[in-house]
Amino acid sequence: PEPLTRFFREYADNPPSIYRVASIVIALVLIISAVAGVGYIFTVPGQGETYTELYILNASTDTNGYPRSMNANELQRIRVGISNHEQHSVQYTVISELQRVRNDNGQFRIIERQRLGEYSVSVDSNQTWERQDRFRPRIQDDRLRLIYYLYHESPPEIPTTETAAQEVHLWVNATAS
């Protein structure tokens, strides 16, 4: 109580100037605003990052042992999945192809393509969709690209890595059985 009493006596004997009072009020308003802003950030949930995840798994639903060699015209299996973190339901289309490609100065040029499948699916926010993709490769060659294109809504007639929202691929060999 002694220091507080002394403060009020000095304050009463020497009233502060209007500038000092204004600066104290402004400082108090800024401190209260900063505390309220920090409290708001920690108590109100934010929108967060929105994204879609496209992935492939082997037939046993893990990332180990992707098929690297395939026999042409024999049934192959790969799981494809989509995780929707867009904060709303999204209509997706997945197109899978097996492609013979050539590397021309760092650019891949598609020489031949085999459409393996096309799937349209609506995935709710924070949900995941998976499907076991089954196909029979007809193209035979070393280093073929097995690619999955992801589109929001409708895809173009000929899918490309430039037009797809995302793509994921494997390099595989397909030989005669």
C-alpha atoms as a PDB file:
ATOM      1  CA  PRO A   1       0.000   0.000   0.000  1.00  0.00           C
ATOM      2  CA  GLU A   2       2.873   2.428   0.743  1.00  0.00           C
ATOM      3  CA  PRO A   3       4.238   2.628  -2.860  1.00  0.00           C
ATOM      4  CA  LEU A   4       0.728   2.880  -4.263  1.00  0.00           C
ATOM      5  CA  THR A   5      -0.183   5.680  -1.863  1.00  0.00           C
ATOM      6  CA  ARG A   6       2.998   7.548  -2.734  1.00  0.00           C
ATOM      7  CA  PHE A   7       2.194   7.194  -6.477  1.00  0.00           C
ATOM      8  CA  PHE A   8      -1.286   8.694  -6.047  1.00  0.00           C
ATOM      9  CA  ARG A   9       0.028  11.591  -3.898  1.00  0.00           C
ATOM     10  CA  GLU A  10       2.659  12.471  -6.522  1.00  0.00           C
ATOM     11  CA  TYR A  11       0.088  12.089  -9.252  1.00  0.00           C
ATOM     12  CA  ALA A  12      -2.366  14.405  -7.432  1.00  0.00           C
ATOM     13  CA  ASP A  13       0.349  17.014  -6.750  1.00  0.00           C
ATOM     14  CA  ASN A  14       1.682  17.011 -10.350  1.00  0.00           C
ATOM     15  CA  PRO A  15      -1.164  16.313 -12.737  1.00  0.00           C
ATOM     16  CA  PRO A  16       0.120  14.825 -16.027  1.00  0.00           C
ATOM     17  CA  SER A  17      -0.121  16.652 -19.284  1.00  0.00           C
ATOM     18  CA  ILE A  18      -2.801  15.770 -21.802  1.00  0.00           C
ATOM     19  CA  TYR A  19      -0.098  14.175 -23.988  1.00  0.00           C
ATOM     20  CA  ARG A  20       1.001  11.857 -21.222  1.00  0.00           C
ATOM     21  CA  VAL A  21      -2.578  10.785 -20.510  1.00  0.00           C
ATOM     22  CA  ALA A  22      -3.213  10.222 -24.209  1.00  0.00           C
ATOM     23  CA  SER A  23      -0.067   8.123 -24.587  1.00  0.00           C
ATOM     24  CA  ILE A  24      -1.010   5.986 -21.571  1.00  0.00           C
ATOM     25  CA  VAL A  25      -4.528   5.428 -22.943  1.00  0.00           C
ATOM     26  CA  ILE A  26      -3.155   4.537 -26.376  1.00  0.00           C
ATOM     27  CA  ALA A  27      -0.649   2.113 -24.837  1.00  0.00           C
ATOM     28  CA  LEU A  28      -3.419   0.431 -22.828  1.00  0.00           C
ATOM     29  CA  VAL A  29      -5.643   0.121 -25.928  1.00  0.00           C
ATOM     30  CA  LEU A  30      -2.766  -1.414 -27.912  1.00  0.00           C
ATOM     31  CA  ILE A  31      -1.958  -3.923 -25.148  1.00  0.00           C
ATOM     32  CA  ILE A  32      -5.615  -4.950 -24.803  1.00  0.00           C
ATOM     33  CA  SER A  33      -5.946  -5.278 -28.601  1.00  0.00           C
ATOM     34  CA  ALA A  34      -2.809  -7.426 -28.839  1.00  0.00           C
ATOM     35  CA  VAL A  35      -3.992  -9.727 -26.035  1.00  0.00           C
ATOM     36  CA  ALA A  36      -7.464 -10.023 -27.619  1.00  0.00           C
ATOM     37  CA  GLY A  37      -5.949 -10.749 -31.061  1.00  0.00           C
ATOM     38  CA  VAL A  38      -3.697 -13.496 -29.733  1.00  0.00           C
ATOM     39  CA  GLY A  39      -6.618 -14.968 -27.784  1.00  0.00           C
ATOM     40  CA  TYR A  40      -8.759 -14.961 -30.931  1.00  0.00           C
ATOM     41  CA  ILE A  41      -6.077 -16.750 -32.970  1.00  0.00           C
ATOM     42  CA  PHE A  42      -5.789 -19.537 -30.409  1.00  0.00           C
ATOM     43  CA  THR A  43      -9.513 -19.989 -29.720  1.00  0.00           C
ATOM     44  CA  VAL A  44     -11.090 -19.739 -33.195  1.00  0.00           C
ATOM     45  CA  PRO A  45     -10.250 -22.641 -35.537  1.00  0.00           C
ATOM     46  CA  GLY A  46      -8.806 -21.521 -38.844  1.00  0.00           C
ATOM     47  CA  GLN A  47      -9.626 -22.721 -42.335  1.00  0.00           C
ATOM     48  CA  GLY A  48      -6.247 -24.428 -42.624  1.00  0.00           C
ATOM     49  CA  GLU A  49      -4.565 -25.599 -45.763  1.00  0.00           C
ATOM     50  CA  THR A  50      -6.824 -27.143 -48.392  1.00  0.00           C
ATOM     51  CA  TYR A  51      -5.513 -29.867 -50.670  1.00  0.00           C
ATOM     52  CA  THR A  52      -6.261 -33.182 -52.341  1.00  0.00           C
ATOM     53  CA  GLU A  53      -3.996 -36.189 -52.084  1.00  0.00           C
ATOM     54  CA  LEU A  54      -3.777 -38.700 -54.940  1.00  0.00           C
ATOM     55  CA  TYR A  55      -1.855 -41.888 -54.219  1.00  0.00           C
ATOM     56  CA  ILE A  56      -1.285 -45.442 -55.356  1.00  0.00           C
ATOM     57  CA  LEU A  57      -0.574 -48.548 -53.302  1.00  0.00           C
ATOM     58  CA  ASN A  58       0.296 -52.087 -54.238  1.00  0.00           C
ATOM     59  CA  ALA A  59      -2.464 -54.709 -54.136  1.00  0.00           C
ATOM     60  CA  SER A  60      -1.746 -55.373 -50.437  1.00  0.00           C
ATOM     61  CA  THR A  61      -2.459 -51.693 -49.620  1.00  0.00           C
ATOM     62  CA  ASP A  62       1.019 -50.521 -48.719  1.00  0.00           C
ATOM     63  CA  THR A  63       3.759 -48.590 -50.469  1.00  0.00           C
ATOM     64  CA  ASN A  64       6.289 -51.424 -50.508  1.00  0.00           C
ATOM     65  CA  GLY A  65       6.760 -53.577 -53.556  1.00  0.00           C
ATOM     66  CA  TYR A  66       5.086 -51.682 -56.335  1.00  0.00           C
ATOM     67  CA  PRO A  67       4.932 -53.878 -59.409  1.00  0.00           C
ATOM     68  CA  ARG A  68       7.898 -53.114 -61.658  1.00  0.00           C
ATOM     69  CA  SER A  69       7.486 -56.009 -64.070  1.00  0.00           C
ATOM     70  CA  MET A  70       4.243 -57.099 -65.664  1.00  0.00           C
ATOM     71  CA  ASN A  71       3.234 -59.743 -68.124  1.00  0.00           C
ATOM     72  CA  ALA A  72       1.277 -58.418 -71.063  1.00  0.00           C
ATOM     73  CA  ASN A  73      -2.370 -59.519 -71.177  1.00  0.00           C
ATOM     74  CA  GLU A  74      -2.277 -60.772 -67.563  1.00  0.00           C
ATOM     75  CA  LEU A  75      -4.465 -59.203 -64.912  1.00  0.00           C
ATOM     76  CA  GLN A  76      -2.624 -56.603 -62.807  1.00  0.00           C
ATOM     77  CA  ARG A  77      -3.816 -54.907 -59.602  1.00  0.00           C
ATOM     78  CA  ILE A  78      -2.972 -51.523 -58.074  1.00  0.00           C
ATOM     79  CA  ARG A  79      -4.919 -49.562 -55.451  1.00  0.00           C
ATOM     80  CA  VAL A  80      -5.589 -45.917 -56.183  1.00  0.00           C
ATOM     81  CA  GLY A  81      -6.806 -43.492 -53.545  1.00  0.00           C
ATOM     82  CA  ILE A  82      -7.957 -39.913 -53.096  1.00  0.00           C
ATOM     83  CA  SER A  83      -7.986 -38.031 -49.786  1.00  0.00           C
ATOM     84  CA  ASN A  84     -10.086 -34.874 -49.845  1.00  0.00           C
ATOM     85  CA  HIS A  85      -8.897 -32.063 -47.556  1.00  0.00           C
ATOM     86  CA  GLU A  86     -10.576 -29.264 -49.540  1.00  0.00           C
ATOM     87  CA  GLN A  87     -13.089 -28.423 -46.741  1.00  0.00           C
ATOM     88  CA  HIS A  88     -16.021 -29.304 -49.040  1.00  0.00           C
ATOM     89  CA  SER A  89     -17.260 -32.228 -51.111  1.00  0.00           C
ATOM     90  CA  VAL A  90     -15.483 -32.544 -54.485  1.00  0.00           C
ATOM     91  CA  GLN A  91     -16.338 -34.478 -57.653  1.00  0.00           C
ATOM     92  CA  TYR A  92     -13.156 -36.123 -58.959  1.00  0.00           C
ATOM     93  CA  THR A  93     -12.309 -38.087 -62.089  1.00  0.00           C
ATOM     94  CA  VAL A  94      -9.335 -40.448 -62.191  1.00  0.00           C
ATOM     95  CA  ILE A  95      -7.974 -41.664 -65.524  1.00  0.00           C
ATOM     96  CA  SER A  96      -5.355 -44.403 -65.696  1.00  0.00           C
ATOM     97  CA  GLU A  97      -3.138 -45.100 -68.693  1.00  0.00           C
ATOM     98  CA  LEU A  98      -0.151 -47.216 -69.655  1.00  0.00           C
ATOM     99  CA  GLN A  99       2.132 -45.164 -71.899  1.00  0.00           C
ATOM    100  CA  ARG A 100       5.157 -45.738 -74.064  1.00  0.00           C
ATOM    101  CA  VAL A 101       7.123 -42.497 -73.761  1.00  0.00           C
ATOM    102  CA  ARG A 102      10.346 -41.106 -75.150  1.00  0.00           C
ATOM    103  CA  ASN A 103      12.537 -38.547 -73.473  1.00  0.00           C
ATOM    104  CA  ASP A 104      13.311 -35.718 -75.909  1.00  0.00           C
ATOM    105  CA  ASN A 105      15.741 -33.334 -74.193  1.00  0.00           C
ATOM    106  CA  GLY A 106      14.063 -33.628 -70.801  1.00  0.00           C
ATOM    107  CA  GLN A 107      10.515 -33.601 -72.155  1.00  0.00           C
ATOM    108  CA  PHE A 108       8.482 -36.802 -72.209  1.00  0.00           C
ATOM    109  CA  ARG A 109       6.646 -37.412 -75.470  1.00  0.00           C
ATOM    110  CA  ILE A 110       3.894 -40.038 -75.525  1.00  0.00           C
ATOM    111  CA  ILE A 111       4.408 -42.478 -78.409  1.00  0.00           C
ATOM    112  CA  GLU A 112       1.577 -44.887 -77.567  1.00  0.00           C
ATOM    113  CA  ARG A 113      -1.087 -44.980 -74.867  1.00  0.00           C
ATOM    114  CA  GLN A 114      -3.514 -47.555 -73.540  1.00  0.00           C
ATOM    115  CA  ARG A 115      -6.490 -46.265 -71.556  1.00  0.00           C
ATOM    116  CA  LEU A 116      -6.865 -48.563 -68.565  1.00  0.00           C
ATOM    117  CA  GLY A 117      -9.797 -46.990 -66.756  1.00  0.00           C
ATOM    118  CA  GLU A 118     -11.762 -43.903 -65.835  1.00  0.00           C
ATOM    119  CA  TYR A 119     -13.590 -43.401 -62.542  1.00  0.00           C
ATOM    120  CA  SER A 120     -15.762 -40.530 -61.352  1.00  0.00           C
ATOM    121  CA  VAL A 121     -16.358 -40.253 -57.638  1.00  0.00           C
ATOM    122  CA  SER A 122     -17.598 -37.670 -55.158  1.00  0.00           C
ATOM    123  CA  VAL A 123     -15.506 -37.530 -51.987  1.00  0.00           C
ATOM    124  CA  ASP A 124     -16.760 -35.646 -48.937  1.00  0.00           C
ATOM    125  CA  SER A 125     -14.522 -33.290 -46.990  1.00  0.00           C
ATOM    126  CA  ASN A 126     -11.884 -35.058 -44.888  1.00  0.00           C
ATOM    127  CA  GLN A 127     -12.818 -38.427 -46.397  1.00  0.00           C
ATOM    128  CA  THR A 128     -10.782 -40.921 -48.403  1.00  0.00           C
ATOM    129  CA  TRP A 129     -11.818 -43.041 -51.381  1.00  0.00           C
ATOM    130  CA  GLU A 130      -9.872 -46.102 -52.549  1.00  0.00           C
ATOM    131  CA  ARG A 131     -10.397 -48.538 -55.370  1.00  0.00           C
ATOM    132  CA  GLN A 132      -8.522 -51.606 -56.522  1.00  0.00           C
ATOM    133  CA  ASP A 133      -7.691 -50.894 -60.148  1.00  0.00           C
ATOM    134  CA  ARG A 134      -7.509 -53.993 -62.348  1.00  0.00           C
ATOM    135  CA  PHE A 135      -6.143 -53.910 -65.863  1.00  0.00           C
ATOM    136  CA  ARG A 136      -4.421 -55.988 -68.536  1.00  0.00           C
ATOM    137  CA  PRO A 137      -1.468 -54.270 -70.211  1.00  0.00           C
ATOM    138  CA  ARG A 138      -1.414 -54.629 -73.991  1.00  0.00           C
ATOM    139  CA  ILE A 139       1.681 -52.517 -74.636  1.00  0.00           C
ATOM    140  CA  GLN A 140       5.006 -54.318 -74.293  1.00  0.00           C
ATOM    141  CA  ASP A 141       8.267 -52.502 -73.635  1.00  0.00           C
ATOM    142  CA  ASP A 142      10.827 -51.602 -71.011  1.00  0.00           C
ATOM    143  CA  ARG A 143      10.175 -48.479 -68.983  1.00  0.00           C
ATOM    144  CA  LEU A 144       6.486 -47.865 -69.618  1.00  0.00           C
ATOM    145  CA  ARG A 145       4.730 -45.184 -67.601  1.00  0.00           C
ATOM    146  CA  LEU A 146       1.718 -46.344 -65.610  1.00  0.00           C
ATOM    147  CA  ILE A 147       0.038 -43.028 -64.822  1.00  0.00           C
ATOM    148  CA  TYR A 148      -3.023 -41.894 -62.908  1.00  0.00           C
ATOM    149  CA  TYR A 149      -4.413 -38.438 -63.708  1.00  0.00           C
ATOM    150  CA  LEU A 150      -6.679 -36.633 -61.240  1.00  0.00           C
ATOM    151  CA  TYR A 151      -9.231 -34.079 -62.420  1.00  0.00           C
ATOM    152  CA  HIS A 152     -11.731 -31.970 -60.507  1.00  0.00           C
ATOM    153  CA  GLU A 153     -14.998 -32.290 -62.388  1.00  0.00           C
ATOM    154  CA  SER A 154     -14.756 -33.269 -66.086  1.00  0.00           C
ATOM    155  CA  PRO A 155     -11.478 -34.264 -67.755  1.00  0.00           C
ATOM    156  CA  PRO A 156     -10.486 -33.409 -71.320  1.00  0.00           C
ATOM    157  CA  GLU A 157     -10.767 -36.053 -74.027  1.00  0.00           C
ATOM    158  CA  ILE A 158      -6.995 -36.649 -73.993  1.00  0.00           C
ATOM    159  CA  PRO A 159      -5.498 -36.348 -70.502  1.00  0.00           C
ATOM    160  CA  THR A 160      -2.067 -34.797 -70.009  1.00  0.00           C
ATOM    161  CA  THR A 161       0.120 -33.914 -67.060  1.00  0.00           C
ATOM    162  CA  GLU A 162      -0.444 -30.238 -67.941  1.00  0.00           C
ATOM    163  CA  THR A 163      -4.258 -30.446 -67.747  1.00  0.00           C
ATOM    164  CA  ALA A 164      -4.502 -32.713 -64.698  1.00  0.00           C
ATOM    165  CA  ALA A 165      -4.835 -31.269 -61.207  1.00  0.00           C
ATOM    166  CA  GLN A 166      -2.415 -34.000 -60.096  1.00  0.00           C
ATOM    167  CA  GLU A 167      -0.779 -37.131 -61.396  1.00  0.00           C
ATOM    168  CA  VAL A 168       1.090 -40.045 -59.925  1.00  0.00           C
ATOM    169  CA  HIS A 169       3.009 -42.637 -61.927  1.00  0.00           C
ATOM    170  CA  LEU A 170       5.212 -45.719 -61.846  1.00  0.00           C
ATOM    171  CA  TRP A 171       7.791 -46.898 -64.349  1.00  0.00           C
ATOM    172  CA  VAL A 172       7.122 -50.547 -65.261  1.00  0.00           C
ATOM    173  CA  ASN A 173       8.300 -53.181 -67.721  1.00  0.00           C
ATOM    174  CA  ALA A 174       5.707 -55.189 -69.610  1.00  0.00           C
ATOM    175  CA  THR A 175       6.840 -58.314 -71.430  1.00  0.00           C
ATOM    176  CA  ALA A 176       5.117 -61.075 -73.365  1.00  0.00           C
ATOM    177  CA  SER A 177       3.760 -63.791 -71.114  1.00  0.00           C
END
